[in-house]
Each structure stands twice: as structure tokens, then as C-alpha cells.
Amino acid sequence: MQEALFGLAPDPIGRTLRWGSLRITVIGVLADKQRDLLTRIGANTYDAGKRMLIPYTLYQQQLGSKEIHTLQAQAVSVAAVPAARDELVQLLSLRHDNRYAYQVDTMERWVATAQDILQRISVSGLLAASISLLVGGIGIMNIMTTSVVERTREIGIRKALGARRRDILRQFLLEAMVVSLIGGAIGLLLAATAILGLSLQTGYALAISWPLAGIGLLVSVVVGVASGYYPARRAALLSPVETLRYD
């Protein structure tokens, strides 16, 4: 807000603003509030980093009324919020002889709502990831099964030259792992591109969690090995005689 009003002026304190016919003197600057993407939702209508505070008496003069419709208060800690809320209502009721009814809202409800939304997003993401892993695993299994069928004669020649079952099994498991690793790397590249695009488009500082990216690659490798085990075992158990006859 300071930059929007005064540009790159180093110290706006003491300078004046014009609000209608009033001239308002700046006596302080609020600390900048850095917020993540979730807390910026809806900031077009209210953004704590884009506000000015004026004396409530001046505001009442401009409205032509002395009524106060909203009060904001801050408790010393999260645990003290319920007690502070009750004390505030009691104080207002005593000062105004119970003439008014007060509606009290705290950030606990907003935090609970945000947590519920995040939990739903997490469950949806987990479900989508599980389906993707299942589809990817089936795809790898089909690819490796086709590879075993097309290379049946090659497997027979290797066995005739002395290759053991575990050698054939290890070879096809390694191929399945490489296929899944390449797929995981392509997925990470697409995700990084999407994150970069969103960051440039929205102006929010979005970043990749590299530990989670590493875990994602590891999971893709595990899925690839698990999906390729059946075709690899099938290739390892082929009879050398039957494979050499295969055309």
C-alpha cells in the first residue's frame, strides 16, 4: 500500500493524503503481510496488506453517525480465544445495559473450514494419484508382457548361452524400472512446468518440494518393479527349447 500511494519514497511518515476534502497525515506504516496462495483467496475484496487505518471518530464524522457495527480484537494466544470472546461480550453487554445482541465470530471457524477444504483436497489428490498409479502399473505390465512375447527367441538364445532364470528376471525388472523412472521424470517435468506457469501467471511464489518429488520418483519405480514382476517371472520360467522354436 505504501508503494501504491507514495511510490518508492523511503519514509512516508509526516506526508499527507487527501480523502475528499480532508487532508490526512501519515503517522505510521503497517508491517507488510506476506501470505501464501490459500490465504490470498478472496483478497480482491479484502487484503490486510492493502488497507489504511484512521481514527474511528473521523470515520464516524464522515458517515454522519456514531454507531459502531464491527469491532475486531486479538487474544494473547489461540488457547485464550474462547475466554476473550466471552469477556468481550460481557463487557459490551454491561456497558450498554444489555440493549444490544452481539454476533461473535472467531478465526477458529475459518481455520476449521480451511483445514476441512485442505483435507478434502488431499483425499481427492490421493484418490487421483492412486488411480494414476493403477493405470500406469497396468500400462507397464502390458508393455513388458508384449516385450516378453516379442523377444521370446532372444530369451531362448540367452538361456542356451548359459543365462540363469534370475538373470532373465533381473533384466526385465530393470527394464520395467527404467520405463517407470522415465515416466516419473516426465511427470515431474510437466508438474514443474505447470507450477512455473502458475507462478508467472498469478504472481504467487510457488515452488517445488524436492523431497516430495524424490518420493514421487521412488514410488513410480516401486510401481514399475511391482508391475513388471509378473512378465519378468514369466520370461524367466520359459523353457529354452520352446523359446528357440518360437517364430
C-alpha atoms as a PDB file:
ATOM      1  CA  MET A   1       0.000   0.000   0.000  1.00  0.00           C
ATOM      2  CA  GLN A   2       2.852   2.372   0.798  1.00  0.00           C
ATOM      3  CA  GLU A   3       4.377   1.876  -2.647  1.00  0.00           C
ATOM      4  CA  ALA A   4       0.981   2.315  -4.334  1.00  0.00           C
ATOM      5  CA  LEU A   5       0.424   5.670  -2.624  1.00  0.00           C
ATOM      6  CA  PHE A   6       3.915   7.128  -2.411  1.00  0.00           C
ATOM      7  CA  GLY A   7       5.950   5.158  -4.924  1.00  0.00           C
ATOM      8  CA  LEU A   8       9.480   4.434  -3.792  1.00  0.00           C
ATOM      9  CA  ALA A   9       9.557   7.148  -1.129  1.00  0.00           C
ATOM     10  CA  PRO A  10      11.779   5.850   1.703  1.00  0.00           C
ATOM     11  CA  ASP A  11       9.718   7.283   4.579  1.00  0.00           C
ATOM     12  CA  PRO A  12       6.104   8.417   4.080  1.00  0.00           C
ATOM     13  CA  ILE A  13       5.628   9.347   7.763  1.00  0.00           C
ATOM     14  CA  GLY A  14       4.638  13.009   8.011  1.00  0.00           C
ATOM     15  CA  ARG A  15       3.365  13.196   4.456  1.00  0.00           C
ATOM     16  CA  THR A  16      -0.306  13.954   3.775  1.00  0.00           C
ATOM     17  CA  LEU A  17      -3.075  12.220   1.863  1.00  0.00           C
ATOM     18  CA  ARG A  18      -6.247  13.766   0.525  1.00  0.00           C
ATOM     19  CA  TRP A  19      -9.525  11.970   1.269  1.00  0.00           C
ATOM     20  CA  GLY A  20     -12.287  14.019  -0.254  1.00  0.00           C
ATOM     21  CA  SER A  21     -11.939  17.440   1.348  1.00  0.00           C
ATOM     22  CA  LEU A  22      -9.809  16.095   4.209  1.00  0.00           C
ATOM     23  CA  ARG A  23      -6.060  16.109   4.465  1.00  0.00           C
ATOM     24  CA  ILE A  24      -4.792  13.105   6.449  1.00  0.00           C
ATOM     25  CA  THR A  25      -1.282  12.992   7.873  1.00  0.00           C
ATOM     26  CA  VAL A  26       0.576   9.655   7.882  1.00  0.00           C
ATOM     27  CA  ILE A  27       1.815   8.821  11.390  1.00  0.00           C
ATOM     28  CA  GLY A  28       2.872   5.209  10.879  1.00  0.00           C
ATOM     29  CA  VAL A  29       3.286   2.354   8.412  1.00  0.00           C
ATOM     30  CA  LEU A  30       1.903  -1.141   8.947  1.00  0.00           C
ATOM     31  CA  ALA A  31       4.264  -4.063   8.575  1.00  0.00           C
ATOM     32  CA  ASP A  32       3.965  -5.883   5.271  1.00  0.00           C
ATOM     33  CA  LYS A  33       1.900  -9.078   5.485  1.00  0.00           C
ATOM     34  CA  GLN A  34       3.263 -11.890   3.355  1.00  0.00           C
ATOM     35  CA  ARG A  35       0.663 -14.579   2.714  1.00  0.00           C
ATOM     36  CA  ASP A  36       0.580 -17.854   0.827  1.00  0.00           C
ATOM     37  CA  LEU A  37      -1.762 -18.766  -2.016  1.00  0.00           C
ATOM     38  CA  LEU A  38      -4.502 -20.192   0.218  1.00  0.00           C
ATOM     39  CA  THR A  39      -4.779 -17.109   2.403  1.00  0.00           C
ATOM     40  CA  ARG A  40      -4.821 -14.813  -0.648  1.00  0.00           C
ATOM     41  CA  ILE A  41      -8.078 -16.325  -1.898  1.00  0.00           C
ATOM     42  CA  GLY A  42     -10.686 -13.576  -1.810  1.00  0.00           C
ATOM     43  CA  ALA A  43      -8.058 -10.874  -1.301  1.00  0.00           C
ATOM     44  CA  ASN A  44      -9.593  -8.800  -4.090  1.00  0.00           C
ATOM     45  CA  THR A  45     -12.278  -7.701  -1.635  1.00  0.00           C
ATOM     46  CA  TYR A  46     -10.138  -7.632   1.495  1.00  0.00           C
ATOM     47  CA  ASP A  47      -6.385  -7.686   1.728  1.00  0.00           C
ATOM     48  CA  ALA A  48      -4.750  -6.867   5.046  1.00  0.00           C
ATOM     49  CA  GLY A  49      -1.711  -5.633   3.148  1.00  0.00           C
ATOM     50  CA  LYS A  50      -3.776  -3.030   1.272  1.00  0.00           C
ATOM     51  CA  ARG A  51      -5.540  -1.026   3.951  1.00  0.00           C
ATOM     52  CA  MET A  52      -5.345   2.243   5.818  1.00  0.00           C
ATOM     53  CA  LEU A  53      -6.279   2.781   9.463  1.00  0.00           C
ATOM     54  CA  ILE A  54      -7.893   6.034  10.537  1.00  0.00           C
ATOM     55  CA  PRO A  55      -9.376   7.166  13.887  1.00  0.00           C
ATOM     56  CA  TYR A  56     -12.878   5.780  14.284  1.00  0.00           C
ATOM     57  CA  THR A  57     -14.097   9.231  15.321  1.00  0.00           C
ATOM     58  CA  LEU A  58     -13.026  10.610  11.950  1.00  0.00           C
ATOM     59  CA  TYR A  59     -14.793   7.753  10.214  1.00  0.00           C
ATOM     60  CA  GLN A  60     -17.954   8.470  12.208  1.00  0.00           C
ATOM     61  CA  GLN A  61     -17.785  12.104  11.159  1.00  0.00           C
ATOM     62  CA  GLN A  62     -17.676  11.120   7.523  1.00  0.00           C
ATOM     63  CA  LEU A  63     -20.599   8.729   7.941  1.00  0.00           C
ATOM     64  CA  GLY A  64     -22.628  11.173   9.989  1.00  0.00           C
ATOM     65  CA  SER A  65     -23.338   8.533  12.609  1.00  0.00           C
ATOM     66  CA  LYS A  66     -21.774   7.443  15.883  1.00  0.00           C
ATOM     67  CA  GLU A  67     -22.861   3.824  15.551  1.00  0.00           C
ATOM     68  CA  ILE A  68     -20.188   1.136  15.535  1.00  0.00           C
ATOM     69  CA  HIS A  69     -21.160  -2.027  13.720  1.00  0.00           C
ATOM     70  CA  THR A  70     -17.962  -4.044  13.913  1.00  0.00           C
ATOM     71  CA  LEU A  71     -15.225  -4.496  16.459  1.00  0.00           C
ATOM     72  CA  GLN A  72     -12.036  -6.504  15.996  1.00  0.00           C
ATOM     73  CA  ALA A  73      -9.985  -7.809  18.896  1.00  0.00           C
ATOM     74  CA  GLN A  74      -6.935 -10.006  19.311  1.00  0.00           C
ATOM     75  CA  ALA A  75      -6.353 -12.533  22.081  1.00  0.00           C
ATOM     76  CA  VAL A  76      -2.962 -13.152  23.639  1.00  0.00           C
ATOM     77  CA  SER A  77      -2.958 -16.729  22.329  1.00  0.00           C
ATOM     78  CA  VAL A  78      -5.099 -19.214  20.416  1.00  0.00           C
ATOM     79  CA  ALA A  79      -5.999 -21.016  23.643  1.00  0.00           C
ATOM     80  CA  ALA A  80      -7.304 -17.772  25.151  1.00  0.00           C
ATOM     81  CA  VAL A  81      -9.707 -17.021  22.267  1.00  0.00           C
ATOM     82  CA  PRO A  82     -12.886 -18.556  23.833  1.00  0.00           C
ATOM     83  CA  ALA A  83     -12.349 -16.768  27.164  1.00  0.00           C
ATOM     84  CA  ALA A  84     -11.514 -13.473  25.434  1.00  0.00           C
ATOM     85  CA  ARG A  85     -14.616 -13.761  23.273  1.00  0.00           C
ATOM     86  CA  ASP A  86     -16.886 -14.295  26.297  1.00  0.00           C
ATOM     87  CA  GLU A  87     -15.249 -11.475  28.256  1.00  0.00           C
ATOM     88  CA  LEU A  88     -15.682  -9.077  25.340  1.00  0.00           C
ATOM     89  CA  VAL A  89     -19.398  -9.866  25.014  1.00  0.00           C
ATOM     90  CA  GLN A  90     -19.900  -9.481  28.762  1.00  0.00           C
ATOM     91  CA  LEU A  91     -18.102  -6.134  28.761  1.00  0.00           C
ATOM     92  CA  LEU A  92     -20.180  -4.768  25.901  1.00  0.00           C
ATOM     93  CA  SER A  93     -23.406  -6.029  27.468  1.00  0.00           C
ATOM     94  CA  LEU A  94     -22.594  -4.352  30.799  1.00  0.00           C
ATOM     95  CA  ARG A  95     -21.617  -1.056  29.199  1.00  0.00           C
ATOM     96  CA  HIS A  96     -24.795  -0.892  27.135  1.00  0.00           C
ATOM     97  CA  ASP A  97     -27.223  -2.381  29.686  1.00  0.00           C
ATOM     98  CA  ASN A  98     -27.964  -5.449  27.532  1.00  0.00           C
ATOM     99  CA  ARG A  99     -29.703  -3.303  24.930  1.00  0.00           C
ATOM    100  CA  TYR A 100     -27.993  -4.998  22.008  1.00  0.00           C
ATOM    101  CA  ALA A 101     -27.409  -8.528  20.823  1.00  0.00           C
ATOM    102  CA  TYR A 102     -23.911  -9.339  19.643  1.00  0.00           C
ATOM    103  CA  GLN A 103     -22.832 -11.754  16.974  1.00  0.00           C
ATOM    104  CA  VAL A 104     -19.317 -13.019  17.640  1.00  0.00           C
ATOM    105  CA  ASP A 105     -17.125 -14.748  15.104  1.00  0.00           C
ATOM    106  CA  THR A 106     -13.585 -16.008  15.579  1.00  0.00           C
ATOM    107  CA  MET A 107     -10.872 -17.244  13.286  1.00  0.00           C
ATOM    108  CA  GLU A 108     -11.323 -20.751  14.693  1.00  0.00           C
ATOM    109  CA  ARG A 109     -14.255 -21.322  12.354  1.00  0.00           C
ATOM    110  CA  TRP A 110     -12.288 -20.051   9.372  1.00  0.00           C
ATOM    111  CA  VAL A 111      -9.303 -22.190  10.314  1.00  0.00           C
ATOM    112  CA  ALA A 112     -11.547 -25.241  10.680  1.00  0.00           C
ATOM    113  CA  THR A 113     -13.111 -24.530   7.289  1.00  0.00           C
ATOM    114  CA  ALA A 114      -9.687 -24.146   5.676  1.00  0.00           C
ATOM    115  CA  GLN A 115      -8.499 -27.396   7.261  1.00  0.00           C
ATOM    116  CA  ASP A 116     -11.611 -29.180   6.007  1.00  0.00           C
ATOM    117  CA  ILE A 117     -11.020 -27.865   2.489  1.00  0.00           C
ATOM    118  CA  LEU A 118      -7.367 -28.929   2.599  1.00  0.00           C
ATOM    119  CA  GLN A 119      -8.348 -32.370   3.856  1.00  0.00           C
ATOM    120  CA  ARG A 120     -10.842 -32.794   1.031  1.00  0.00           C
ATOM    121  CA  ILE A 121      -8.239 -31.671  -1.478  1.00  0.00           C
ATOM    122  CA  SER A 122      -5.727 -34.120  -0.008  1.00  0.00           C
ATOM    123  CA  VAL A 123      -8.193 -37.013  -0.204  1.00  0.00           C
ATOM    124  CA  SER A 124      -9.116 -36.102  -3.782  1.00  0.00           C
ATOM    125  CA  GLY A 125      -5.442 -35.828  -4.716  1.00  0.00           C
ATOM    126  CA  LEU A 126      -4.671 -39.171  -3.082  1.00  0.00           C
ATOM    127  CA  LEU A 127      -7.553 -40.820  -4.939  1.00  0.00           C
ATOM    128  CA  ALA A 128      -6.448 -39.329  -8.261  1.00  0.00           C
ATOM    129  CA  ALA A 129      -2.843 -40.375  -7.614  1.00  0.00           C
ATOM    130  CA  SER A 130      -3.938 -43.930  -6.749  1.00  0.00           C
ATOM    131  CA  ILE A 131      -5.938 -44.214  -9.975  1.00  0.00           C
ATOM    132  CA  SER A 132      -2.993 -42.822 -11.948  1.00  0.00           C
ATOM    133  CA  LEU A 133      -0.629 -45.335 -10.356  1.00  0.00           C
ATOM    134  CA  LEU A 134      -3.035 -48.177 -11.105  1.00  0.00           C
ATOM    135  CA  VAL A 135      -3.414 -47.148 -14.741  1.00  0.00           C
ATOM    136  CA  GLY A 136       0.348 -46.628 -15.058  1.00  0.00           C
ATOM    137  CA  GLY A 137       1.056 -50.018 -13.476  1.00  0.00           C
ATOM    138  CA  ILE A 138      -1.320 -51.760 -15.878  1.00  0.00           C
ATOM    139  CA  GLY A 139       0.316 -49.951 -18.774  1.00  0.00           C
ATOM    140  CA  ILE A 140       3.811 -51.028 -17.708  1.00  0.00           C
ATOM    141  CA  MET A 141       2.608 -54.611 -17.276  1.00  0.00           C
ATOM    142  CA  ASN A 142       1.160 -54.616 -20.802  1.00  0.00           C
ATOM    143  CA  ILE A 143       4.343 -53.132 -22.250  1.00  0.00           C
ATOM    144  CA  MET A 144       6.548 -55.681 -20.520  1.00  0.00           C
ATOM    145  CA  THR A 145       4.252 -58.581 -21.465  1.00  0.00           C
ATOM    146  CA  THR A 146       4.399 -57.519 -25.108  1.00  0.00           C
ATOM    147  CA  SER A 147       8.181 -57.193 -24.833  1.00  0.00           C
ATOM    148  CA  VAL A 148       8.475 -60.725 -23.444  1.00  0.00           C
ATOM    149  CA  VAL A 149       6.371 -62.138 -26.307  1.00  0.00           C
ATOM    150  CA  GLU A 150       8.335 -60.267 -28.981  1.00  0.00           C
ATOM    151  CA  ARG A 151      11.691 -61.326 -27.501  1.00  0.00           C
ATOM    152  CA  THR A 152      10.880 -64.943 -26.785  1.00  0.00           C
ATOM    153  CA  ARG A 153      13.534 -66.223 -29.189  1.00  0.00           C
ATOM    154  CA  GLU A 154      16.096 -63.816 -27.714  1.00  0.00           C
ATOM    155  CA  ILE A 155      15.328 -65.193 -24.254  1.00  0.00           C
ATOM    156  CA  GLY A 156      15.843 -68.725 -25.565  1.00  0.00           C
ATOM    157  CA  ILE A 157      19.226 -67.814 -27.068  1.00  0.00           C
ATOM    158  CA  ARG A 158      20.341 -66.220 -23.797  1.00  0.00           C
ATOM    159  CA  LYS A 159      19.337 -69.290 -21.831  1.00  0.00           C
ATOM    160  CA  ALA A 160      21.096 -71.559 -24.331  1.00  0.00           C
ATOM    161  CA  LEU A 161      24.256 -69.485 -23.784  1.00  0.00           C
ATOM    162  CA  GLY A 162      24.062 -70.001 -20.024  1.00  0.00           C
ATOM    163  CA  ALA A 163      21.808 -67.250 -18.688  1.00  0.00           C
ATOM    164  CA  ARG A 164      20.033 -68.288 -15.485  1.00  0.00           C
ATOM    165  CA  ARG A 165      16.459 -67.600 -14.506  1.00  0.00           C
ATOM    166  CA  ARG A 166      17.466 -64.873 -12.112  1.00  0.00           C
ATOM    167  CA  ASP A 167      19.464 -63.188 -14.879  1.00  0.00           C
ATOM    168  CA  ILE A 168      16.388 -63.034 -17.118  1.00  0.00           C
ATOM    169  CA  LEU A 169      14.241 -61.909 -14.179  1.00  0.00           C
ATOM    170  CA  ARG A 170      16.710 -59.176 -13.251  1.00  0.00           C
ATOM    171  CA  GLN A 171      16.936 -57.957 -16.844  1.00  0.00           C
ATOM    172  CA  PHE A 172      13.204 -57.461 -17.298  1.00  0.00           C
ATOM    173  CA  LEU A 173      12.753 -55.975 -13.826  1.00  0.00           C
ATOM    174  CA  LEU A 174      15.478 -53.475 -14.655  1.00  0.00           C
ATOM    175  CA  GLU A 175      13.732 -52.582 -17.904  1.00  0.00           C
ATOM    176  CA  ALA A 176      10.430 -52.093 -16.069  1.00  0.00           C
ATOM    177  CA  MET A 177      12.193 -49.865 -13.539  1.00  0.00           C
ATOM    178  CA  VAL A 178      13.731 -47.749 -16.296  1.00  0.00           C
ATOM    179  CA  VAL A 179      10.356 -47.350 -18.034  1.00  0.00           C
ATOM    180  CA  SER A 180       8.660 -46.246 -14.796  1.00  0.00           C
ATOM    181  CA  LEU A 181      11.559 -43.931 -13.934  1.00  0.00           C
ATOM    182  CA  ILE A 182      11.332 -42.223 -17.323  1.00  0.00           C
ATOM    183  CA  GLY A 183       7.565 -41.847 -16.890  1.00  0.00           C
ATOM    184  CA  GLY A 184       8.021 -40.385 -13.411  1.00  0.00           C
ATOM    185  CA  ALA A 185      10.646 -37.934 -14.664  1.00  0.00           C
ATOM    186  CA  ILE A 186       8.346 -36.784 -17.474  1.00  0.00           C
ATOM    187  CA  GLY A 187       5.531 -36.323 -14.932  1.00  0.00           C
ATOM    188  CA  LEU A 188       7.777 -34.220 -12.693  1.00  0.00           C
ATOM    189  CA  LEU A 189       8.858 -32.120 -15.666  1.00  0.00           C
ATOM    190  CA  LEU A 190       5.234 -31.450 -16.612  1.00  0.00           C
ATOM    191  CA  ALA A 191       4.399 -30.612 -12.978  1.00  0.00           C
ATOM    192  CA  ALA A 192       7.363 -28.233 -12.728  1.00  0.00           C
ATOM    193  CA  THR A 193       6.280 -26.533 -15.954  1.00  0.00           C
ATOM    194  CA  ALA A 194       2.721 -26.146 -14.634  1.00  0.00           C
ATOM    195  CA  ILE A 195       3.968 -24.729 -11.328  1.00  0.00           C
ATOM    196  CA  LEU A 196       6.221 -22.253 -13.113  1.00  0.00           C
ATOM    197  CA  GLY A 197       3.375 -21.202 -15.383  1.00  0.00           C
ATOM    198  CA  LEU A 198       1.005 -20.680 -12.443  1.00  0.00           C
ATOM    199  CA  SER A 199       3.668 -18.733 -10.586  1.00  0.00           C
ATOM    200  CA  LEU A 200       4.243 -16.405 -13.530  1.00  0.00           C
ATOM    201  CA  GLN A 201       0.529 -16.049 -14.250  1.00  0.00           C
ATOM    202  CA  THR A 202      -0.654 -15.367 -10.695  1.00  0.00           C
ATOM    203  CA  GLY A 203       2.443 -13.685  -9.276  1.00  0.00           C
ATOM    204  CA  TYR A 204       2.490 -16.041  -6.282  1.00  0.00           C
ATOM    205  CA  ALA A 205       5.753 -17.604  -5.175  1.00  0.00           C
ATOM    206  CA  LEU A 206       5.085 -21.285  -5.895  1.00  0.00           C
ATOM    207  CA  ALA A 207       7.951 -23.746  -5.511  1.00  0.00           C
ATOM    208  CA  ILE A 208       8.578 -27.467  -5.964  1.00  0.00           C
ATOM    209  CA  SER A 209       9.119 -29.595  -2.867  1.00  0.00           C
ATOM    210  CA  TRP A 210      12.158 -31.585  -3.941  1.00  0.00           C
ATOM    211  CA  PRO A 211      11.919 -34.162  -1.093  1.00  0.00           C
ATOM    212  CA  LEU A 212       8.343 -34.925  -2.186  1.00  0.00           C
ATOM    213  CA  ALA A 213       9.495 -35.039  -5.802  1.00  0.00           C
ATOM    214  CA  GLY A 214      12.110 -37.634  -4.828  1.00  0.00           C
ATOM    215  CA  ILE A 215       9.471 -39.660  -3.003  1.00  0.00           C
ATOM    216  CA  GLY A 216       7.287 -39.473  -6.111  1.00  0.00           C
ATOM    217  CA  LEU A 217      10.092 -40.874  -8.253  1.00  0.00           C
ATOM    218  CA  LEU A 218      10.696 -43.646  -5.729  1.00  0.00           C
ATOM    219  CA  VAL A 219       7.013 -44.566  -5.739  1.00  0.00           C
ATOM    220  CA  SER A 220       6.988 -44.679  -9.536  1.00  0.00           C
ATOM    221  CA  VAL A 221       9.987 -47.029  -9.508  1.00  0.00           C
ATOM    222  CA  VAL A 222       8.326 -49.304  -6.930  1.00  0.00           C
ATOM    223  CA  VAL A 223       5.128 -49.396  -9.008  1.00  0.00           C
ATOM    224  CA  GLY A 224       7.165 -50.179 -12.127  1.00  0.00           C
ATOM    225  CA  VAL A 225       9.011 -53.062 -10.461  1.00  0.00           C
ATOM    226  CA  ALA A 226       5.799 -54.449  -8.972  1.00  0.00           C
ATOM    227  CA  SER A 227       4.000 -54.216 -12.312  1.00  0.00           C
ATOM    228  CA  GLY A 228       6.881 -55.726 -14.249  1.00  0.00           C
ATOM    229  CA  TYR A 229       7.430 -58.651 -11.882  1.00  0.00           C
ATOM    230  CA  TYR A 230       4.817 -60.948 -13.463  1.00  0.00           C
ATOM    231  CA  PRO A 231       6.072 -60.518 -17.078  1.00  0.00           C
ATOM    232  CA  ALA A 232       9.680 -60.833 -15.854  1.00  0.00           C
ATOM    233  CA  ARG A 233       8.909 -64.026 -13.933  1.00  0.00           C
ATOM    234  CA  ARG A 234       7.063 -65.378 -16.944  1.00  0.00           C
ATOM    235  CA  ALA A 235      10.112 -64.708 -19.107  1.00  0.00           C
ATOM    236  CA  ALA A 236      12.429 -66.318 -16.549  1.00  0.00           C
ATOM    237  CA  LEU A 237      10.328 -69.521 -16.444  1.00  0.00           C
ATOM    238  CA  LEU A 238      10.220 -70.032 -20.221  1.00  0.00           C
ATOM    239  CA  SER A 239      11.675 -73.312 -21.448  1.00  0.00           C
ATOM    240  CA  PRO A 240      14.825 -72.848 -23.567  1.00  0.00           C
ATOM    241  CA  VAL A 241      13.672 -75.481 -26.057  1.00  0.00           C
ATOM    242  CA  GLU A 242      10.243 -73.903 -26.581  1.00  0.00           C
ATOM    243  CA  THR A 243      11.689 -70.403 -26.866  1.00  0.00           C
ATOM    244  CA  LEU A 244      14.188 -71.470 -29.542  1.00  0.00           C
ATOM    245  CA  ARG A 245      11.333 -72.987 -31.551  1.00  0.00           C
ATOM    246  CA  TYR A 246       9.286 -69.785 -31.278  1.00  0.00           C
ATOM    247  CA  ASP A 247       8.928 -67.862 -34.507  1.00  0.00           C
END
